Amino acid sequence: MTSLYERSLKVLPPVAQRATKLGIVKGKGVYLTDESGVDYLDFAAGVGVVNCGHNHPQVVAAVEAQLHDLIHGGHNVVYYPSYIRLAEKISQRLGGDYKVYFSNSGAEANEGAVKLAMQVTHRDGVIAFTGSFHGRTMLTTSMTASGAIYHENYQGMLPPVYHVDFPDIYNTVLTADQESERCLQQLQQLFKITIAADQVACIVVEPVQGEGGYIPAPKIFLEKLQAICRANGILLIFDEVQSGYGRTGTWFAFEQYGVIPDILTSAKGIANGLPLSAVIAKSDLMDQWTPGTHGGTFGGNPLACAAGCAVLDIMDADFLAHVRQTGTYFMAKLATLQDQHPMIKDVRGLGLMIGLQFKDYGGLLAPELVAKVVAKALAHHLILLTCGVSHEVIRFIPPLVVTEAEIDQAYGILATSLAEVQAEMAVDNGISSR
């Protein structure tokens, strides 16, 4: 029988660059089932989307119920219950006095957030950070700085966005304070020689960088960045498309830093697999967003909003405590693996947003090694993804309902895969693996 991958070659372009050739027909919990009936342990979660697990019964029930009432209304045309109910839930969970604009994807949310900042400040300057990923629309592509391929052949049409370094305390000899100060000095220099601070509408930052390598920002960096923004009338936007919705052990990562952004963006886990994203900000900012200056046909679809309501019902205090507990458990096991393998440079992350960075025996970053380990893991039925500017990091983003037993299973496959790759490298180099 012709596989889904083989059929795709005749009808799909290669641009999406899928991480595997798997044809998947079913998902449940932390497992995916391929077209041959083989189960895979999914530690990619659709790139951090199915945080409540594949086909969570509460989400399925909510979507099924909504399906019989209204599939589409159009949020530029009418109001409908699931849309309003989800906005109310989000606002209440943030403490009230917040308003929410729904769209479909993380890129749309980030672009909407920047448009809101420009409307409110009457400025057009945008600053982002090296290593960032914010999406693939023209504006968010320009904001992204985690791979030249994202800009390839688009440069002439990309809006101007200024970048300064994001503090990477895992690949420097500097302390967290020193590295943060280095990056903030770059920002001040940018204000001095390139764009004046009073021309900047917003600074966009991921509190935990995703595609850039699963790098949590130092707390002092975000605190001082917020102070700079406030001193200069610049709006601070947190892109929590990947780090939000329980991924780091709190609803949003900013809660662990004590730094509240002016504008917050969310997507991925917000509806557990249905297309939905959100721009979230205080009412006094949102009320300045001129009617008609932003919109969209499918944003806040009734089915997606119904799923989003179910997700928030699932993500209670016990759910988030489970994420913190299993994240700590997994990090400890990976630290043990690091002790056994000097090629593992670093284990880092928050909650169940964990990165494992690799180096070769000469101390250089090792993307080829990472690719081999990920391929071996897939052969053993564990789905993993990479990240990092050089793709030298294995990222672990399982559904947040993962158990310690399932983590043990994934750890066993990872350890076996790493041992197999090392043995092959030893043979290739003529070195005994004993």
Protein backbone atom coordinates (compact mmCIF):
# COMPACT_ATOMS: atom_id res chain seq x y z
CA MET A 1 0.00 0.00 0.00
CA THR A 2 1.25 3.47 -0.86
CA SER A 3 2.09 5.42 2.29
CA LEU A 4 0.78 8.87 3.14
CA TYR A 5 4.32 10.18 2.68
CA GLU A 6 4.57 8.69 -0.79
CA ARG A 7 1.17 10.08 -1.76
CA SER A 8 2.20 13.51 -0.44
CA LEU A 9 5.09 13.76 -2.89
CA LYS A 10 2.64 14.14 -5.77
CA VAL A 11 0.43 16.80 -4.22
CA LEU A 12 2.34 18.71 -1.50
CA PRO A 13 5.27 21.13 -1.87
CA PRO A 14 8.41 20.47 0.20
CA VAL A 15 8.30 23.87 1.92
CA ALA A 16 6.87 22.62 5.26
CA GLN A 17 9.95 20.41 5.79
CA ARG A 18 8.38 17.84 8.08
CA ALA A 19 10.54 16.35 10.82
CA THR A 20 9.51 12.75 10.00
CA LYS A 21 7.93 10.69 7.22
CA LEU A 22 5.34 9.23 9.55
CA GLY A 23 1.74 8.93 8.43
CA ILE A 24 -0.36 9.31 11.58
CA VAL A 25 -4.00 8.22 11.80
CA LYS A 26 -4.78 8.41 15.52
CA GLY A 27 -3.66 10.03 18.76
CA LYS A 28 -4.44 9.41 22.42
CA GLY A 29 -2.72 10.85 25.46
CA VAL A 30 1.02 10.90 24.78
CA TYR A 31 0.87 8.38 21.91
CA LEU A 32 0.40 8.61 18.16
CA THR A 33 -0.51 5.62 15.96
CA ASP A 34 0.79 5.40 12.42
CA GLU A 35 -0.95 3.99 9.35
CA SER A 36 0.59 0.57 10.01
CA GLY A 37 -0.79 0.44 13.56
CA VAL A 38 2.54 1.19 15.27
CA ASP A 39 2.42 3.39 18.39
CA TYR A 40 4.90 6.21 18.93
CA LEU A 41 5.63 8.00 22.18
CA ASP A 42 5.14 11.63 21.20
CA PHE A 43 7.54 14.04 22.90
CA ALA A 44 6.89 16.68 20.25
CA ALA A 45 3.18 17.20 21.01
CA GLY A 46 2.57 18.71 17.58
CA VAL A 47 5.29 21.28 18.42
CA GLY A 48 4.02 22.00 21.91
CA VAL A 49 0.33 22.11 21.01
CA VAL A 50 -1.53 19.17 22.59
CA ASN A 51 -0.62 20.12 26.15
CA CYS A 52 -3.65 18.26 27.51
CA GLY A 53 -2.78 15.15 25.50
CA HIS A 54 -4.01 13.94 22.14
CA ASN A 55 -7.81 13.76 21.93
CA HIS A 56 -8.41 14.64 25.56
CA PRO A 57 -12.00 13.50 26.23
CA GLN A 58 -13.10 16.85 27.70
CA VAL A 59 -11.83 18.71 24.65
CA VAL A 60 -13.45 16.21 22.29
CA ALA A 61 -16.78 16.50 24.13
CA ALA A 62 -16.68 20.30 24.06
CA VAL A 63 -15.99 20.37 20.33
CA GLU A 64 -18.67 17.77 19.60
CA ALA A 65 -21.26 19.76 21.56
CA GLN A 66 -20.36 23.00 19.81
CA LEU A 67 -20.38 21.30 16.40
CA HIS A 68 -24.15 20.84 16.57
CA ASP A 69 -24.84 24.48 17.46
CA LEU A 70 -22.54 26.68 15.37
CA ILE A 71 -19.44 25.94 13.27
CA HIS A 72 -18.74 29.47 12.06
CA GLY A 73 -20.19 32.87 12.78
CA GLY A 74 -17.41 35.27 11.89
CA HIS A 75 -16.08 37.46 14.69
CA ASN A 76 -16.22 40.51 12.44
CA VAL A 77 -19.95 39.92 12.04
CA VAL A 78 -21.57 38.45 15.18
CA TYR A 79 -20.98 37.49 18.81
CA TYR A 80 -21.27 33.88 19.99
CA PRO A 81 -21.11 32.17 23.39
CA SER A 82 -17.87 30.17 23.21
CA TYR A 83 -15.91 33.24 22.06
CA ILE A 84 -17.18 35.46 24.87
CA ARG A 85 -16.92 32.67 27.44
CA LEU A 86 -13.26 31.99 26.61
CA ALA A 87 -12.35 35.68 26.70
CA GLU A 88 -14.03 35.95 30.10
CA LYS A 89 -12.16 32.90 31.40
CA ILE A 90 -8.80 34.27 30.27
CA SER A 91 -9.46 37.71 31.72
CA GLN A 92 -10.65 36.31 35.04
CA ARG A 93 -7.68 33.98 35.31
CA LEU A 94 -5.35 36.94 34.83
CA GLY A 95 -7.11 38.85 37.59
CA GLY A 96 -9.67 40.79 35.56
CA ASP A 97 -9.58 44.01 33.53
CA TYR A 98 -7.99 42.26 30.53
CA LYS A 99 -9.37 42.08 27.00
CA VAL A 100 -8.62 39.44 24.39
CA TYR A 101 -8.42 39.42 20.60
CA PHE A 102 -8.56 35.96 19.00
CA SER A 103 -6.90 34.87 15.78
CA ASN A 104 -5.69 31.55 14.37
CA SER A 105 -1.92 31.20 14.79
CA GLY A 106 1.00 32.39 16.84
CA ALA A 107 2.29 34.49 13.96
CA GLU A 108 -1.07 36.22 13.64
CA ALA A 109 -1.14 36.93 17.36
CA ASN A 110 2.38 38.38 17.33
CA GLU A 111 1.61 40.53 14.31
CA GLY A 112 -1.59 41.70 15.96
CA ALA A 113 0.29 42.56 19.15
CA VAL A 114 2.76 44.72 17.24
CA LYS A 115 -0.07 46.46 15.37
CA LEU A 116 -1.74 47.19 18.71
CA ALA A 117 1.52 48.64 20.06
CA MET A 118 1.87 50.86 17.00
CA GLN A 119 -1.72 52.08 17.32
CA VAL A 120 -1.33 52.95 20.99
CA THR A 121 2.12 54.57 20.86
CA HIS A 122 1.86 56.20 17.41
CA ARG A 123 5.37 54.87 16.76
CA ASP A 124 6.60 52.26 14.28
CA GLY A 125 9.92 50.98 15.64
CA VAL A 126 10.09 47.28 16.57
CA ILE A 127 12.91 45.56 18.47
CA ALA A 128 13.37 41.81 18.89
CA PHE A 129 16.25 39.52 19.87
CA THR A 130 18.77 37.24 18.25
CA GLY A 131 17.73 33.60 18.49
CA SER A 132 14.06 34.55 18.44
CA PHE A 133 11.23 32.94 16.51
CA HIS A 134 7.94 34.79 16.18
CA GLY A 135 6.32 33.36 13.05
CA ARG A 136 6.39 33.28 9.25
CA THR A 137 4.24 36.19 8.10
CA MET A 138 6.27 39.03 6.59
CA LEU A 139 6.41 41.03 9.83
CA THR A 140 7.02 38.07 12.13
CA THR A 141 9.59 36.65 9.71
CA SER A 142 11.41 39.96 10.00
CA MET A 143 11.17 39.73 13.80
CA THR A 144 12.58 36.19 13.74
CA ALA A 145 16.35 35.76 14.09
CA SER A 146 16.97 32.07 14.72
CA GLY A 147 17.88 30.99 11.18
CA ALA A 148 18.76 32.72 7.91
CA ILE A 149 16.56 30.27 6.01
CA TYR A 150 13.46 32.01 7.37
CA HIS A 151 14.50 35.18 5.48
CA GLU A 152 15.76 33.51 2.30
CA ASN A 153 14.59 35.33 -0.85
CA TYR A 154 12.21 37.52 1.20
CA GLN A 155 14.67 40.19 2.35
CA GLY A 156 13.55 42.92 -0.03
CA MET A 157 9.98 42.79 1.27
CA LEU A 158 10.58 42.39 5.00
CA PRO A 159 9.62 45.31 7.28
CA PRO A 160 12.52 46.79 9.26
CA VAL A 161 13.01 45.22 12.70
CA TYR A 162 16.01 45.85 14.94
CA HIS A 163 17.70 43.04 16.88
CA VAL A 164 19.94 42.88 19.93
CA ASP A 165 21.39 39.84 21.65
CA PHE A 166 19.28 37.64 23.90
CA PRO A 167 21.15 36.63 27.08
CA ASP A 168 22.36 33.05 26.67
CA ILE A 169 23.90 32.19 30.03
CA TYR A 170 24.51 28.61 28.92
CA ASN A 171 27.09 29.47 26.27
CA THR A 172 29.16 32.17 27.90
CA VAL A 173 31.70 32.56 30.68
CA LEU A 174 29.78 35.57 32.00
CA THR A 175 27.44 35.42 34.97
CA ALA A 176 23.72 35.86 34.45
CA ASP A 177 24.00 39.47 35.64
CA GLN A 178 26.96 40.20 33.37
CA GLU A 179 25.37 38.57 30.32
CA SER A 180 22.11 40.42 30.93
CA GLU A 181 23.96 43.71 31.25
CA ARG A 182 25.89 43.03 28.04
CA CYS A 183 22.64 42.59 26.10
CA LEU A 184 20.97 45.61 27.69
CA GLN A 185 23.99 47.75 26.84
CA GLN A 186 23.52 46.68 23.22
CA LEU A 187 19.94 47.91 23.47
CA GLN A 188 21.06 51.27 24.84
CA GLN A 189 23.63 51.54 22.06
CA LEU A 190 20.89 50.81 19.53
CA PHE A 191 18.89 53.72 20.96
CA LYS A 192 21.95 55.94 20.66
CA ILE A 193 23.14 55.22 17.12
CA THR A 194 20.32 53.52 15.16
CA ILE A 195 16.80 54.28 16.40
CA ALA A 196 15.87 56.68 19.17
CA ALA A 197 13.94 55.14 22.05
CA ASP A 198 11.06 57.55 21.50
CA GLN A 199 10.54 56.05 18.03
CA VAL A 200 10.17 52.49 19.32
CA ALA A 201 6.63 51.14 19.66
CA CYS A 202 7.49 47.81 21.25
CA ILE A 203 10.12 45.32 22.27
CA VAL A 204 9.12 41.71 21.64
CA VAL A 205 10.73 38.92 23.64
CA GLU A 206 10.19 35.26 24.45
CA PRO A 207 10.71 34.83 28.22
CA VAL A 208 11.91 31.34 27.31
CA GLN A 209 13.33 31.20 23.80
CA GLY A 210 11.86 28.33 21.80
CA GLU A 211 13.43 27.74 18.39
CA GLY A 212 16.53 29.57 19.64
CA GLY A 213 17.41 26.69 21.96
CA TYR A 214 15.00 26.49 24.92
CA ILE A 215 16.83 29.23 26.76
CA PRO A 216 15.10 30.77 29.81
CA ALA A 217 15.84 34.46 30.19
CA PRO A 218 17.53 35.51 33.43
CA LYS A 219 15.04 37.17 35.77
CA ILE A 220 17.17 40.28 36.12
CA PHE A 221 17.21 40.71 32.35
CA LEU A 222 13.42 40.81 32.06
CA GLU A 223 13.15 43.08 35.10
CA LYS A 224 15.61 45.60 33.66
CA LEU A 225 14.12 45.31 30.18
CA GLN A 226 10.72 46.21 31.60
CA ALA A 227 12.22 49.18 33.42
CA ILE A 228 13.80 50.45 30.18
CA CYS A 229 10.48 50.08 28.37
CA ARG A 230 8.58 51.98 31.05
CA ALA A 231 11.16 54.76 31.14
CA ASN A 232 10.84 55.28 27.39
CA GLY A 233 7.12 54.72 26.75
CA ILE A 234 7.83 51.45 24.92
CA LEU A 235 5.35 48.58 25.20
CA LEU A 236 6.81 45.24 26.31
CA ILE A 237 5.37 42.24 24.45
CA PHE A 238 5.90 38.70 25.72
CA ASP A 239 5.60 36.04 23.04
CA GLU A 240 4.39 33.03 25.02
CA VAL A 241 3.18 31.07 22.03
CA GLN A 242 5.38 28.13 23.01
CA SER A 243 6.07 28.78 26.70
CA GLY A 244 2.46 29.46 27.67
CA TYR A 245 -0.48 27.31 28.66
CA GLY A 246 1.17 25.27 31.39
CA ARG A 247 4.30 24.35 29.43
CA THR A 248 6.71 25.76 32.02
CA GLY A 249 4.70 24.67 35.09
CA THR A 250 2.67 27.86 35.43
CA TRP A 251 -0.11 29.02 33.13
CA PHE A 252 2.32 31.49 31.57
CA ALA A 253 6.07 31.67 32.10
CA PHE A 254 5.92 35.35 33.07
CA GLU A 255 4.35 34.31 36.37
CA GLN A 256 7.66 32.74 37.39
CA TYR A 257 9.54 35.95 36.69
CA GLY A 258 7.18 38.41 38.36
CA VAL A 259 7.38 40.60 35.25
CA ILE A 260 3.98 41.38 33.73
CA PRO A 261 4.16 42.37 30.05
CA ASP A 262 2.06 45.13 28.54
CA ILE A 263 0.88 42.74 25.82
CA LEU A 264 0.88 38.94 25.89
CA THR A 265 0.51 36.55 22.97
CA SER A 266 -0.64 32.96 23.17
CA ALA A 267 -1.33 30.11 20.72
CA LYS A 268 -0.25 26.45 20.41
CA GLY A 269 -1.68 24.90 23.62
CA ILE A 270 -4.57 27.36 23.91
CA ALA A 271 -7.06 25.00 22.19
CA ASN A 272 -5.16 21.68 22.32
CA GLY A 273 -4.89 21.26 18.57
CA LEU A 274 -7.56 23.48 17.08
CA PRO A 275 -6.31 26.66 15.37
CA LEU A 276 -6.56 29.51 17.86
CA SER A 277 -4.37 32.27 19.20
CA ALA A 278 -4.81 35.35 21.35
CA VAL A 279 -3.53 38.87 21.90
CA ILE A 280 -4.08 39.73 25.55
CA ALA A 281 -3.65 43.12 27.20
CA LYS A 282 -5.15 45.40 29.82
CA SER A 283 -8.41 47.06 28.89
CA ASP A 284 -6.90 50.57 28.79
CA LEU A 285 -4.56 49.48 25.99
CA MET A 286 -7.07 47.37 24.09
CA ASP A 287 -9.65 50.16 24.14
CA GLN A 288 -7.22 52.32 22.12
CA TRP A 289 -7.13 49.81 19.24
CA THR A 290 -9.01 51.67 16.52
CA PRO A 291 -12.02 49.72 15.20
CA GLY A 292 -11.40 48.29 11.73
CA THR A 293 -7.59 48.47 11.86
CA HIS A 294 -7.29 44.73 12.48
CA GLY A 295 -9.48 41.70 11.88
CA GLY A 296 -9.80 38.31 10.23
CA THR A 297 -12.35 35.85 8.92
CA PHE A 298 -11.69 32.74 10.97
CA GLY A 299 -10.23 34.07 14.23
CA GLY A 300 -11.93 32.80 17.36
CA ASN A 301 -13.82 30.05 15.55
CA PRO A 302 -16.65 28.64 17.73
CA LEU A 303 -15.17 25.12 17.76
CA ALA A 304 -11.71 26.36 18.70
CA CYS A 305 -13.09 28.60 21.44
CA ALA A 306 -15.13 25.71 22.85
CA ALA A 307 -11.93 23.66 22.95
CA GLY A 308 -10.14 26.59 24.62
CA CYS A 309 -12.76 26.72 27.37
CA ALA A 310 -12.29 22.99 28.01
CA VAL A 311 -8.51 23.43 28.15
CA LEU A 312 -8.81 26.02 30.92
CA ASP A 313 -11.16 23.74 32.83
CA ILE A 314 -8.54 20.98 32.62
CA MET A 315 -5.58 23.20 33.55
CA ASP A 316 -6.32 23.65 37.23
CA ALA A 317 -3.81 23.96 40.08
CA ASP A 318 -3.32 20.19 40.29
CA PHE A 319 -2.61 20.00 36.56
CA LEU A 320 0.09 22.66 36.83
CA ALA A 321 1.57 21.02 39.93
CA HIS A 322 1.84 17.80 37.93
CA VAL A 323 3.79 19.65 35.23
CA ARG A 324 6.24 21.02 37.78
CA GLN A 325 6.66 17.62 39.42
CA THR A 326 7.21 15.66 36.21
CA GLY A 327 9.44 18.42 34.84
CA THR A 328 11.68 18.23 37.91
CA TYR A 329 11.71 14.43 37.65
CA PHE A 330 12.67 14.48 33.97
CA MET A 331 15.36 17.16 34.44
CA ALA A 332 16.95 15.06 37.20
CA LYS A 333 17.07 12.00 34.95
CA LEU A 334 18.58 14.00 32.09
CA ALA A 335 21.19 15.41 34.47
CA THR A 336 22.16 11.82 35.30
CA LEU A 337 22.50 11.13 31.59
CA GLN A 338 24.70 14.20 31.26
CA ASP A 339 27.00 12.82 33.96
CA GLN A 340 27.41 9.67 31.86
CA HIS A 341 27.97 11.41 28.52
CA PRO A 342 30.40 14.34 28.27
CA MET A 343 29.00 15.24 24.86
CA ILE A 344 25.87 16.54 26.61
CA LYS A 345 26.82 20.16 27.20
CA ASP A 346 23.79 21.31 29.13
CA VAL A 347 20.35 20.40 30.50
CA ARG A 348 18.05 23.38 30.90
CA GLY A 349 14.45 24.47 30.94
CA LEU A 350 11.35 25.17 32.98
CA GLY A 351 8.58 22.66 33.66
CA LEU A 352 8.24 20.39 30.63
CA MET A 353 9.98 22.78 28.25
CA ILE A 354 13.40 21.14 28.42
CA GLY A 355 16.46 21.40 26.19
CA LEU A 356 19.44 19.05 25.97
CA GLN A 357 22.38 20.75 24.25
CA PHE A 358 25.17 18.67 22.68
CA LYS A 359 28.82 19.32 21.87
CA ASP A 360 31.45 17.21 20.15
CA TYR A 361 34.65 16.01 21.77
CA GLY A 362 36.36 19.22 20.71
CA GLY A 363 33.80 21.29 22.60
CA LEU A 364 32.00 22.57 19.48
CA LEU A 365 28.23 22.42 19.12
CA ALA A 366 27.16 19.17 17.50
CA PRO A 367 24.05 19.37 15.27
CA GLU A 368 25.05 16.24 13.31
CA LEU A 369 25.20 14.23 16.52
CA VAL A 370 21.79 15.55 17.57
CA ALA A 371 20.27 14.58 14.21
CA LYS A 372 21.60 11.04 14.58
CA VAL A 373 20.25 10.65 18.11
CA VAL A 374 16.83 11.95 17.07
CA ALA A 375 16.76 9.54 14.10
CA LYS A 376 17.70 6.60 16.34
CA ALA A 377 14.99 7.57 18.83
CA LEU A 378 12.41 7.65 16.04
CA ALA A 379 13.46 4.15 14.99
CA HIS A 380 12.70 3.11 18.58
CA HIS A 381 9.27 4.83 18.36
CA LEU A 382 10.04 8.05 20.24
CA ILE A 383 9.30 11.32 18.43
CA LEU A 384 11.70 14.15 19.28
CA LEU A 385 12.39 17.57 17.75
CA THR A 386 15.47 19.76 17.71
CA CYS A 387 15.99 23.47 18.25
CA GLY A 388 18.84 25.93 18.63
CA VAL A 389 20.27 28.20 15.96
CA SER A 390 22.52 25.31 14.87
CA HIS A 391 19.94 22.61 15.72
CA GLU A 392 22.29 21.39 18.41
CA VAL A 393 19.58 21.00 21.06
CA ILE A 394 17.06 18.18 21.54
CA ARG A 395 13.88 19.68 22.90
CA PHE A 396 11.46 17.73 25.03
CA ILE A 397 7.87 19.01 24.80
CA PRO A 398 5.63 16.06 25.65
CA PRO A 399 1.93 16.48 26.35
CA LEU A 400 1.73 17.85 29.88
CA VAL A 401 -0.31 14.83 31.03
CA VAL A 402 2.80 12.64 30.63
CA THR A 403 3.46 10.31 33.58
CA GLU A 404 6.74 9.45 35.25
CA ALA A 405 6.43 5.93 33.78
CA GLU A 406 6.17 7.42 30.27
CA ILE A 407 9.13 9.69 31.01
CA ASP A 408 11.07 6.59 32.08
CA GLN A 409 10.16 4.96 28.77
CA ALA A 410 11.33 7.98 26.78
CA TYR A 411 14.49 8.24 28.87
CA GLY A 412 15.30 4.58 28.19
CA ILE A 413 14.91 5.10 24.44
CA LEU A 414 17.02 8.26 24.56
CA ALA A 415 19.79 6.51 26.50
CA THR A 416 19.75 3.56 24.09
CA SER A 417 19.80 5.85 21.06
CA LEU A 418 22.69 7.86 22.43
CA ALA A 419 24.66 4.69 23.18
CA GLU A 420 24.04 3.39 19.65
CA VAL A 421 25.22 6.64 18.07
CA GLN A 422 28.33 6.69 20.24
CA ALA A 423 29.12 3.10 19.29
CA GLU A 424 28.78 3.94 15.59
CA MET A 425 30.99 7.00 16.02
CA ALA A 426 33.61 4.89 17.75
CA VAL A 427 33.61 2.40 14.88
CA ASP A 428 33.84 5.19 12.31
CA ASN A 429 36.80 6.65 14.17
CA GLY A 430 38.45 3.28 14.70
CA ILE A 431 38.01 3.53 18.47
CA SER A 432 36.91 0.65 20.66
CA SER A 433 33.49 1.30 22.24
CA ARG A 434 34.46 -0.76 25.25
